[in-house]
PDB file of N, CA and C in Angstrom:
ATOM      1  N   MET A   1      46.443 -56.710  30.655  1.00  0.00           N
ATOM      2  CA  MET A   1      45.826 -55.438  30.956  1.00  0.00           C
ATOM      3  C   MET A   1      46.525 -54.298  30.234  1.00  0.00           C
ATOM      4  N   LYS A   2      47.867 -54.456  30.097  1.00  0.00           N
ATOM      5  CA  LYS A   2      48.614 -53.390  29.452  1.00  0.00           C
ATOM      6  C   LYS A   2      48.148 -53.187  28.025  1.00  0.00           C
ATOM      7  N   GLY A   3      47.885 -54.249  27.316  1.00  0.00           N
ATOM      8  CA  GLY A   3      47.441 -54.157  25.922  1.00  0.00           C
ATOM      9  C   GLY A   3      46.093 -53.471  25.819  1.00  0.00           C
ATOM     10  N   SER A   4      45.186 -53.819  26.755  1.00  0.00           N
ATOM     11  CA  SER A   4      43.854 -53.209  26.699  1.00  0.00           C
ATOM     12  C   SER A   4      43.926 -51.737  27.074  1.00  0.00           C
ATOM     13  N   ASP A   5      44.814 -51.377  28.022  1.00  0.00           N
ATOM     14  CA  ASP A   5      44.983 -49.956  28.380  1.00  0.00           C
ATOM     15  C   ASP A   5      45.503 -49.161  27.180  1.00  0.00           C
ATOM     16  N   THR A   6      46.460 -49.761  26.480  1.00  0.00           N
ATOM     17  CA  THR A   6      47.023 -49.103  25.295  1.00  0.00           C
ATOM     18  C   THR A   6      45.956 -48.958  24.217  1.00  0.00           C
ATOM     19  N   THR A   7      45.159 -50.014  24.050  1.00  0.00           N
ATOM     20  CA  THR A   7      44.098 -49.979  23.038  1.00  0.00           C
ATOM     21  C   THR A   7      43.066 -48.917  23.388  1.00  0.00           C
ATOM     22  N   ILE A   8      42.683 -48.880  24.656  1.00  0.00           N
ATOM     23  CA  ILE A   8      41.695 -47.886  25.109  1.00  0.00           C
ATOM     24  C   ILE A   8      42.247 -46.480  24.912  1.00  0.00           C
ATOM     25  N   SER A   9      43.522 -46.272  25.277  1.00  0.00           N
ATOM     26  CA  SER A   9      44.147 -44.958  25.101  1.00  0.00           C
ATOM     27  C   SER A   9      44.177 -44.574  23.628  1.00  0.00           C
ATOM     28  N   ALA A  10      44.493 -45.534  22.776  1.00  0.00           N
ATOM     29  CA  ALA A  10      44.549 -45.266  21.332  1.00  0.00           C
ATOM     30  C   ALA A  10      43.159 -44.924  20.800  1.00  0.00           C
ATOM     31  N   ILE A  11      42.164 -45.668  21.284  1.00  0.00           N
ATOM     32  CA  ILE A  11      40.783 -45.404  20.850  1.00  0.00           C
ATOM     33  C   ILE A  11      40.346 -44.020  21.312  1.00  0.00           C
ATOM     34  N   GLU A  12      40.671 -43.692  22.575  1.00  0.00           N
ATOM     35  CA  GLU A  12      40.298 -42.377  23.106  1.00  0.00           C
ATOM     36  C   GLU A  12      40.999 -41.262  22.335  1.00  0.00           C
ATOM     37  N   ALA A  13      42.275 -41.453  22.033  1.00  0.00           N
ATOM     38  CA  ALA A  13      43.033 -40.457  21.271  1.00  0.00           C
ATOM     39  C   ALA A  13      42.442 -40.309  19.868  1.00  0.00           C
ATOM     40  N   GLY A  14      42.129 -41.455  19.261  1.00  0.00           N
ATOM     41  CA  GLY A  14      41.521 -41.418  17.915  1.00  0.00           C
ATOM     42  C   GLY A  14      40.163 -40.736  17.946  1.00  0.00           C
ATOM     43  N   ALA A  15      39.375 -41.041  18.979  1.00  0.00           N
ATOM     44  CA  ALA A  15      38.052 -40.427  19.108  1.00  0.00           C
ATOM     45  C   ALA A  15      38.178 -38.918  19.300  1.00  0.00           C
ATOM     46  N   GLY A  16      39.164 -38.522  20.116  1.00  0.00           N
ATOM     47  CA  GLY A  16      39.391 -37.081  20.335  1.00  0.00           C
ATOM     48  C   GLY A  16      39.787 -36.384  19.042  1.00  0.00           C
ATOM     49  N   ALA A  17      40.684 -37.029  18.277  1.00  0.00           N
ATOM     50  CA  ALA A  17      41.123 -36.449  17.002  1.00  0.00           C
ATOM     51  C   ALA A  17      39.950 -36.364  16.025  1.00  0.00           C
ATOM     52  N   MET A  18      39.130 -37.429  15.985  1.00  0.00           N
ATOM     53  CA  MET A  18      37.973 -37.417  15.088  1.00  0.00           C
ATOM     54  C   MET A  18      36.989 -36.327  15.498  1.00  0.00           C
ATOM     55  N   ASN A  19      36.818 -36.165  16.812  1.00  0.00           N
ATOM     56  CA  ASN A  19      35.911 -35.133  17.316  1.00  0.00           C
ATOM     57  C   ASN A  19      36.381 -33.745  16.863  1.00  0.00           C
ATOM     58  N   GLU A  20      37.702 -33.511  16.931  1.00  0.00           N
ATOM     59  CA  GLU A  20      38.259 -32.225  16.485  1.00  0.00           C
ATOM     60  C   GLU A  20      38.021 -32.032  14.990  1.00  0.00           C
ATOM     61  N   HIS A  21      38.217 -33.094  14.212  1.00  0.00           N
ATOM     62  CA  HIS A  21      37.975 -33.008  12.768  1.00  0.00           C
ATOM     63  C   HIS A  21      36.502 -32.704  12.470  1.00  0.00           C
ATOM     64  N   VAL A  22      35.624 -33.361  13.227  1.00  0.00           N
ATOM     65  CA  VAL A  22      34.188 -33.130  13.036  1.00  0.00           C
ATOM     66  C   VAL A  22      33.846 -31.680  13.362  1.00  0.00           C
ATOM     67  N   ILE A  23      34.384 -31.183  14.489  1.00  0.00           N
ATOM     68  CA  ILE A  23      34.120 -29.793  14.885  1.00  0.00           C
ATOM     69  C   ILE A  23      34.648 -28.831  13.818  1.00  0.00           C
ATOM     70  N   ARG A  24      35.877 -29.067  13.341  1.00  0.00           N
ATOM     71  CA  ARG A  24      36.463 -28.219  12.300  1.00  0.00           C
ATOM     72  C   ARG A  24      35.652 -28.308  11.010  1.00  0.00           C
ATOM     73  N   GLY A  25      35.237 -29.538  10.674  1.00  0.00           N
ATOM     74  CA  GLY A  25      34.427 -29.741   9.462  1.00  0.00           C
ATOM     75  C   GLY A  25      33.097 -29.003   9.547  1.00  0.00           C
ATOM     76  N   LYS A  26      32.469 -29.068  10.735  1.00  0.00           N
ATOM     77  CA  LYS A  26      31.214 -28.343  10.931  1.00  0.00           C
ATOM     78  C   LYS A  26      31.433 -26.846  10.753  1.00  0.00           C
ATOM     79  N   GLY A  27      32.561 -26.363  11.272  1.00  0.00           N
ATOM     80  CA  GLY A  27      32.889 -24.935  11.124  1.00  0.00           C
ATOM     81  C   GLY A  27      33.057 -24.549   9.665  1.00  0.00           C
ATOM     82  N   HIS A  28      33.759 -25.406   8.907  1.00  0.00           N
ATOM     83  CA  HIS A  28      33.959 -25.132   7.480  1.00  0.00           C
ATOM     84  C   HIS A  28      32.628 -25.132   6.729  1.00  0.00           C
ATOM     85  N   ILE A  29      31.798 -26.110   7.057  1.00  0.00           N
ATOM     86  CA  ILE A  29      30.488 -26.201   6.396  1.00  0.00           C
ATOM     87  C   ILE A  29      29.642 -24.972   6.725  1.00  0.00           C
ATOM     88  N   LYS A  30      29.633 -24.597   8.010  1.00  0.00           N
ATOM     89  CA  LYS A  30      28.851 -23.432   8.433  1.00  0.00           C
ATOM     90  C   LYS A  30      29.345 -22.178   7.714  1.00  0.00           C
ATOM     91  N   SER A  31      30.661 -22.025   7.626  1.00  0.00           N
ATOM     92  CA  SER A  31      31.253 -20.872   6.943  1.00  0.00           C
ATOM     93  C   SER A  31      30.874 -20.856   5.462  1.00  0.00           C
ATOM     94  N   ALA A  32      30.936 -22.016   4.825  1.00  0.00           N
ATOM     95  CA  ALA A  32      30.588 -22.108   3.401  1.00  0.00           C
ATOM     96  C   ALA A  32      29.119 -21.776   3.179  1.00  0.00           C
ATOM     97  N   VAL A  33      28.265 -22.264   4.072  1.00  0.00           N
ATOM     98  CA  VAL A  33      26.831 -21.982   3.961  1.00  0.00           C
ATOM     99  C   VAL A  33      26.574 -20.488   4.140  1.00  0.00           C
ATOM    100  N   MET A  34      27.234 -19.882   5.126  1.00  0.00           N
ATOM    101  CA  MET A  34      27.058 -18.445   5.364  1.00  0.00           C
ATOM    102  C   MET A  34      27.543 -17.641   4.162  1.00  0.00           C
ATOM    103  N   ASP A  35      28.703 -18.009   3.603  1.00  0.00           N
ATOM    104  CA  ASP A  35      29.227 -17.313   2.422  1.00  0.00           C
ATOM    105  C   ASP A  35      28.261 -17.451   1.250  1.00  0.00           C
ATOM    106  N   GLY A  36      27.769 -18.655   1.043  1.00  0.00           N
ATOM    107  CA  GLY A  36      26.804 -18.889  -0.035  1.00  0.00           C
ATOM    108  C   GLY A  36      25.532 -18.097   0.176  1.00  0.00           C
ATOM    109  N   SER A  37      25.095 -18.043   1.420  1.00  0.00           N
ATOM    110  CA  SER A  37      23.893 -17.287   1.753  1.00  0.00           C
ATOM    111  C   SER A  37      24.100 -15.801   1.460  1.00  0.00           C
ATOM    112  N   ASP A  38      25.276 -15.282   1.811  1.00  0.00           N
ATOM    113  CA  ASP A  38      25.587 -13.872   1.537  1.00  0.00           C
ATOM    114  C   ASP A  38      25.597 -13.597   0.037  1.00  0.00           C
ATOM    115  N   VAL A  39      26.152 -14.524  -0.733  1.00  0.00           N
ATOM    116  CA  VAL A  39      26.198 -14.359  -2.193  1.00  0.00           C
ATOM    117  C   VAL A  39      24.780 -14.350  -2.756  1.00  0.00           C
ATOM    118  N   ILE A  40      23.959 -15.293  -2.316  1.00  0.00           N
ATOM    119  CA  ILE A  40      22.576 -15.372  -2.804  1.00  0.00           C
ATOM    120  C   ILE A  40      21.809 -14.108  -2.421  1.00  0.00           C
ATOM    121  N   THR A  41      21.971 -13.662  -1.175  1.00  0.00           N
ATOM    122  CA  THR A  41      21.298 -12.443  -0.721  1.00  0.00           C
ATOM    123  C   THR A  41      21.719 -11.253  -1.573  1.00  0.00           C
ATOM    124  N   GLY A  42      23.014 -11.155  -1.850  1.00  0.00           N
ATOM    125  CA  GLY A  42      23.515 -10.060  -2.689  1.00  0.00           C
ATOM    126  C   GLY A  42      22.919 -10.093  -4.082  1.00  0.00           C
ATOM    127  N   LEU A  43      22.826 -11.278  -4.665  1.00  0.00           N
ATOM    128  CA  LEU A  43      22.250 -11.411  -6.008  1.00  0.00           C
ATOM    129  C   LEU A  43      20.771 -11.038  -6.024  1.00  0.00           C
ATOM    130  N   VAL A  44      20.046 -11.477  -5.005  1.00  0.00           N
ATOM    131  CA  VAL A  44      18.619 -11.153  -4.926  1.00  0.00           C
ATOM    132  C   VAL A  44      18.433  -9.642  -4.776  1.00  0.00           C
ATOM    133  N   GLU A  45      19.249  -9.013  -3.920  1.00  0.00           N
ATOM    134  CA  GLU A  45      19.142  -7.565  -3.731  1.00  0.00           C
ATOM    135  C   GLU A  45      19.465  -6.820  -5.021  1.00  0.00           C
ATOM    136  N   ALA A  46      20.497  -7.255  -5.737  1.00  0.00           N
ATOM    137  CA  ALA A  46      20.863  -6.613  -7.008  1.00  0.00           C
ATOM    138  C   ALA A  46      19.736  -6.775  -8.028  1.00  0.00           C
ATOM    139  N   SER A  47      19.149  -7.964  -8.089  1.00  0.00           N
ATOM    140  CA  SER A  47      18.035  -8.205  -9.015  1.00  0.00           C
ATOM    141  C   SER A  47      16.840  -7.328  -8.663  1.00  0.00           C
ATOM    142  N   THR A  48      16.571  -7.199  -7.380  1.00  0.00           N
ATOM    143  CA  THR A  48      15.456  -6.369  -6.927  1.00  0.00           C
ATOM    144  C   THR A  48      15.672  -4.914  -7.325  1.00  0.00           C
ATOM    145  N   ARG A  49      16.897  -4.417  -7.144  1.00  0.00           N
ATOM    146  CA  ARG A  49      17.200  -3.032  -7.539  1.00  0.00           C
ATOM    147  C   ARG A  49      17.018  -2.852  -9.042  1.00  0.00           C
ATOM    148  N   GLU A  50      17.485  -3.814  -9.822  1.00  0.00           N
ATOM    149  CA  GLU A  50      17.371  -3.731 -11.287  1.00  0.00           C
ATOM    150  C   GLU A  50      15.901  -3.736 -11.712  1.00  0.00           C
ATOM    151  N   ILE A  51      15.116  -4.615 -11.107  1.00  0.00           N
ATOM    152  CA  ILE A  51      13.688  -4.682 -11.438  1.00  0.00           C
ATOM    153  C   ILE A  51      12.997  -3.379 -11.052  1.00  0.00           C
ATOM    154  N   SER A  52      13.319  -2.843  -9.876  1.00  0.00           N
ATOM    155  CA  SER A  52      12.725  -1.574  -9.440  1.00  0.00           C
ATOM    156  C   SER A  52      13.062  -0.461 -10.419  1.00  0.00           C
ATOM    157  N   SER A  53      14.300  -0.444 -10.871  1.00  0.00           N
ATOM    158  CA  SER A  53      14.736   0.567 -11.836  1.00  0.00           C
ATOM    159  C   SER A  53      13.943   0.444 -13.134  1.00  0.00           C
ATOM    160  N   GLN A  54      13.773  -0.780 -13.616  1.00  0.00           N
ATOM    161  CA  GLN A  54      13.021  -0.994 -14.854  1.00  0.00           C
ATOM    162  C   GLN A  54      11.548  -0.615 -14.690  1.00  0.00           C
ATOM    163  N   VAL A  55      10.991  -0.885 -13.517  1.00  0.00           N
ATOM    164  CA  VAL A  55       9.598  -0.510 -13.248  1.00  0.00           C
ATOM    165  C   VAL A  55       9.463   1.012 -13.259  1.00  0.00           C
ATOM    166  N   ASP A  56      10.432   1.715 -12.645  1.00  0.00           N
ATOM    167  CA  ASP A  56      10.399   3.179 -12.641  1.00  0.00           C
ATOM    168  C   ASP A  56      10.454   3.733 -14.063  1.00  0.00           C
ATOM    169  N   VAL A  57      11.318   3.172 -14.895  1.00  0.00           N
ATOM    170  CA  VAL A  57      11.419   3.605 -16.296  1.00  0.00           C
ATOM    171  C   VAL A  57      10.087   3.360 -17.010  1.00  0.00           C
ATOM    172  N   ALA A  58       9.500   2.194 -16.794  1.00  0.00           N
ATOM    173  CA  ALA A  58       8.216   1.865 -17.431  1.00  0.00           C
ATOM    174  C   ALA A  58       7.121   2.834 -16.980  1.00  0.00           C
ATOM    175  N   LYS A  59       7.104   3.182 -15.691  1.00  0.00           N
ATOM    176  CA  LYS A  59       6.107   4.127 -15.177  1.00  0.00           C
ATOM    177  C   LYS A  59       6.257   5.490 -15.849  1.00  0.00           C
ATOM    178  N   ARG A  60       7.516   5.941 -16.007  1.00  0.00           N
ATOM    179  CA  ARG A  60       7.753   7.228 -16.672  1.00  0.00           C
ATOM    180  C   ARG A  60       7.263   7.189 -18.119  1.00  0.00           C
ATOM    181  N   GLU A  61       7.546   6.090 -18.802  1.00  0.00           N
ATOM    182  CA  GLU A  61       7.109   5.955 -20.197  1.00  0.00           C
ATOM    183  C   GLU A  61       5.582   5.949 -20.291  1.00  0.00           C
ATOM    184  N   ILE A  62       4.934   5.276 -19.364  1.00  0.00           N
ATOM    185  CA  ILE A  62       3.467   5.232 -19.350  1.00  0.00           C
ATOM    186  C   ILE A  62       2.905   6.633 -19.126  1.00  0.00           C
ATOM    187  N   ARG A  63       3.527   7.404 -18.188  1.00  0.00           N
ATOM    188  CA  ARG A  63       3.070   8.774 -17.950  1.00  0.00           C
ATOM    189  C   ARG A  63       3.213   9.630 -19.209  1.00  0.00           C
ATOM    190  N   LYS A  64       4.345   9.470 -19.922  1.00  0.00           N
ATOM    191  CA  LYS A  64       4.551  10.227 -21.169  1.00  0.00           C
ATOM    192  C   LYS A  64       3.472   9.874 -22.193  1.00  0.00           C
ATOM    193  N   LEU A  65       3.222   8.566 -22.354  1.00  0.00           N
ATOM    194  CA  LEU A  65       2.200   8.133 -23.311  1.00  0.00           C
ATOM    195  C   LEU A  65       0.820   8.667 -22.933  1.00  0.00           C
ATOM    196  N   LYS A  66       0.524   8.626 -21.646  1.00  0.00           N
ATOM    197  CA  LYS A  66      -0.762   9.109 -21.163  1.00  0.00           C
ATOM    198  C   LYS A  66      -0.913  10.602 -21.467  1.00  0.00           C
ATOM    199  N   THR A  67       0.159  11.365 -21.221  1.00  0.00           N
ATOM    200  CA  THR A  67       0.139  12.798 -21.506  1.00  0.00           C
ATOM    201  C   THR A  67      -0.063  13.040 -22.997  1.00  0.00           C
ATOM    202  N   ASN A  68       0.654  12.282 -23.834  1.00  0.00           N
ATOM    203  CA  ASN A  68       0.501  12.431 -25.286  1.00  0.00           C
ATOM    204  C   ASN A  68      -0.922  12.117 -25.733  1.00  0.00           C
ATOM    205  N   ILE A  69      -1.486  11.062 -25.181  1.00  0.00           N
ATOM    206  CA  ILE A  69      -2.854  10.677 -25.547  1.00  0.00           C
ATOM    207  C   ILE A  69      -3.840  11.762 -25.129  1.00  0.00           C
ATOM    208  N   LEU A  70      -3.689  12.270 -23.895  1.00  0.00           N
ATOM    209  CA  LEU A  70      -4.598  13.319 -23.421  1.00  0.00           C
ATOM    210  C   LEU A  70      -4.464  14.582 -24.266  1.00  0.00           C
ATOM    211  N   THR A  71      -3.236  14.913 -24.658  1.00  0.00           N
ATOM    212  CA  THR A  71      -3.017  16.081 -25.518  1.00  0.00           C
ATOM    213  C   THR A  71      -3.718  15.886 -26.858  1.00  0.00           C
ATOM    214  N   LYS A  72      -3.577  14.708 -27.445  1.00  0.00           N
ATOM    215  CA  LYS A  72      -4.219  14.440 -28.738  1.00  0.00           C
ATOM    216  C   LYS A  72      -5.740  14.456 -28.616  1.00  0.00           C
ATOM    217  N   ILE A  73      -6.259  13.945 -27.516  1.00  0.00           N
ATOM    218  CA  ILE A  73      -7.711  13.978 -27.300  1.00  0.00           C
ATOM    219  C   ILE A  73      -8.186  15.425 -27.201  1.00  0.00           C
ATOM    220  N   THR A  74      -7.440  16.252 -26.476  1.00  0.00           N
ATOM    221  CA  THR A  74      -7.795  17.662 -26.324  1.00  0.00           C
ATOM    222  C   THR A  74      -7.797  18.362 -27.681  1.00  0.00           C
ATOM    223  N   ILE A  75      -6.767  18.088 -28.481  1.00  0.00           N
ATOM    224  CA  ILE A  75      -6.683  18.686 -29.824  1.00  0.00           C
ATOM    225  C   ILE A  75      -7.866  18.232 -30.680  1.00  0.00           C
ATOM    226  N   CYS A  76      -8.180  16.952 -30.643  1.00  0.00           N
ATOM    227  CA  CYS A  76      -9.317  16.423 -31.415  1.00  0.00           C
ATOM    228  C   CYS A  76     -10.624  17.059 -30.966  1.00  0.00           C
ATOM    229  N   ASN A  77     -10.805  17.195 -29.658  1.00  0.00           N
ATOM    230  CA  ASN A  77     -12.027  17.818 -29.139  1.00  0.00           C
ATOM    231  C   ASN A  77     -12.137  19.259 -29.618  1.00  0.00           C
ATOM    232  N   ALA A  78     -11.015  19.972 -29.609  1.00  0.00           N
ATOM    233  CA  ALA A  78     -11.025  21.360 -30.077  1.00  0.00           C
ATOM    234  C   ALA A  78     -11.400  21.419 -31.553  1.00  0.00           C
ATOM    235  N   LYS A  79     -10.864  20.510 -32.354  1.00  0.00           N
ATOM    236  CA  LYS A  79     -11.193  20.481 -33.787  1.00  0.00           C
ATOM    237  C   LYS A  79     -12.663  20.162 -33.999  1.00  0.00           C
ATOM    238  N   VAL A  80     -13.180  19.225 -33.224  1.00  0.00           N
ATOM    239  CA  VAL A  80     -14.600  18.866 -33.339  1.00  0.00           C
ATOM    240  C   VAL A  80     -15.464  20.064 -32.983  1.00  0.00           C
ATOM    241  N   ARG A  81     -15.121  20.765 -31.892  1.00  0.00           N
ATOM    242  CA  ARG A  81     -15.894  21.947 -31.493  1.00  0.00           C
ATOM    243  C   ARG A  81     -15.838  23.019 -32.585  1.00  0.00           C
ATOM    244  N   LYS A  82     -14.644  23.224 -33.148  1.00  0.00           N
ATOM    245  CA  LYS A  82     -14.470  24.225 -34.201  1.00  0.00           C
ATOM    246  C   LYS A  82     -15.327  23.869 -35.411  1.00  0.00           C
ATOM    247  N   HIS A  83     -15.280  22.624 -35.828  1.00  0.00           N
ATOM    248  CA  HIS A  83     -16.069  22.200 -36.985  1.00  0.00           C
ATOM    249  C   HIS A  83     -17.563  22.264 -36.687  1.00  0.00           C
ATOM    250  N   SER A  84     -17.939  21.940 -35.468  1.00  0.00           N
ATOM    251  CA  SER A  84     -19.354  22.018 -35.086  1.00  0.00           C
ATOM    252  C   SER A  84     -19.824  23.460 -35.133  1.00  0.00           C
ATOM    253  N   PHE A  85     -18.978  24.364 -34.629  1.00  0.00           N
ATOM    254  CA  PHE A  85     -19.330  25.780 -34.636  1.00  0.00           C
ATOM    255  C   PHE A  85     -19.462  26.283 -36.077  1.00  0.00           C
ATOM    256  N   ILE A  86     -18.494  25.911 -36.928  1.00  0.00           N
ATOM    257  CA  ILE A  86     -18.547  26.316 -38.339  1.00  0.00           C
ATOM    258  C   ILE A  86     -19.807  25.759 -38.991  1.00  0.00           C
ATOM    259  N   HIS A  87     -20.115  24.531 -38.715  1.00  0.00           N
ATOM    260  CA  HIS A  87     -21.309  23.893 -39.280  1.00  0.00           C
ATOM    261  C   HIS A  87     -22.572  24.627 -38.819  1.00  0.00           C
ATOM    262  N   MET A  88     -22.637  24.942 -37.517  1.00  0.00           N
ATOM    263  CA  MET A  88     -23.798  25.664 -36.988  1.00  0.00           C
ATOM    264  C   MET A  88     -23.910  27.040 -37.641  1.00  0.00           C
ATOM    265  N   LYS A  89     -22.772  27.718 -37.812  1.00  0.00           N
ATOM    266  CA  LYS A  89     -22.758  29.050 -38.409  1.00  0.00           C
ATOM    267  C   LYS A  89     -23.294  28.998 -39.846  1.00  0.00           C
ATOM    268  N   TYR A  90     -22.829  28.031 -40.615  1.00  0.00           N
ATOM    269  CA  TYR A  90     -23.305  27.914 -41.994  1.00  0.00           C
ATOM    270  C   TYR A  90     -24.781  27.529 -42.042  1.00  0.00           C
ATOM    271  N   ASN A  91     -25.198  26.673 -41.148  1.00  0.00           N
ATOM    272  CA  ASN A  91     -26.616  26.305 -41.090  1.00  0.00           C
ATOM    273  C   ASN A  91     -27.473  27.527 -40.795  1.00  0.00           C
ATOM    274  N   PHE A  92     -26.999  28.354 -39.863  1.00  0.00           N
ATOM    275  CA  PHE A  92     -27.735  29.557 -39.491  1.00  0.00           C
ATOM    276  C   PHE A  92     -27.850  30.487 -40.702  1.00  0.00           C
ATOM    277  N   HIS A  93     -26.719  30.705 -41.405  1.00  0.00           N
ATOM    278  CA  HIS A  93     -26.736  31.572 -42.582  1.00  0.00           C
ATOM    279  C   HIS A  93     -27.625  30.981 -43.683  1.00  0.00           C
ATOM    280  N   PHE A  94     -27.574  29.692 -43.842  1.00  0.00           N
ATOM    281  CA  PHE A  94     -28.400  29.032 -44.857  1.00  0.00           C
ATOM    282  C   PHE A  94     -29.885  29.225 -44.539  1.00  0.00           C
ATOM    283  N   LYS A  95     -30.243  29.092 -43.255  1.00  0.00           N
ATOM    284  CA  LYS A  95     -31.635  29.280 -42.847  1.00  0.00           C
ATOM    285  C   LYS A  95     -32.066  30.721 -43.081  1.00  0.00           C
ATOM    286  N   LEU A  96     -31.165  31.665 -42.813  1.00  0.00           N
ATOM    287  CA  LEU A  96     -31.494  33.066 -43.048  1.00  0.00           C
ATOM    288  C   LEU A  96     -31.748  33.317 -44.532  1.00  0.00           C
ATOM    289  N   LEU A  97     -30.923  32.693 -45.369  1.00  0.00           N
ATOM    290  CA  LEU A  97     -31.095  32.857 -46.807  1.00  0.00           C
ATOM    291  C   LEU A  97     -32.423  32.267 -47.277  1.00  0.00           C
ATOM    292  N   LYS A  98     -32.812  31.170 -46.665  1.00  0.00           N
ATOM    293  CA  LYS A  98     -34.071  30.525 -47.038  1.00  0.00           C
ATOM    294  C   LYS A  98     -35.257  31.413 -46.662  1.00  0.00           C
ATOM    295  N   LEU A  99     -35.133  32.083 -45.531  1.00  0.00           N
ATOM    296  CA  LEU A  99     -36.231  32.919 -45.053  1.00  0.00           C
ATOM    297  C   LEU A  99     -36.400  34.174 -45.916  1.00  0.00           C
ATOM    298  N   SER A 100     -35.354  34.627 -46.513  1.00  0.00           N
ATOM    299  CA  SER A 100     -35.471  35.879 -47.265  1.00  0.00           C
ATOM    300  C   SER A 100     -35.989  35.708 -48.651  1.00  0.00           C
TER     301      SER A 100
END
């Protein structure tokens, strides 16, 4: 009986020690996962900020281009109106000359 009691005690002690190692190991794994998760979250947030910044820059550039295009269209329209007016004026004078 003494041998079996010693064996049982040794098994129980070993099981207790293994249980502590498992608990500690789980803690280490959980900590590593949390740290990794924090790193990934930080990288995603940094990437999101960078992308947002680039989108803002692109929007500003698009607004500038749009303004330039509208300005050029306005200038072209003014030139067309001016040339149309000049053309009408000369046509009118030409018709007057024909009538006389």
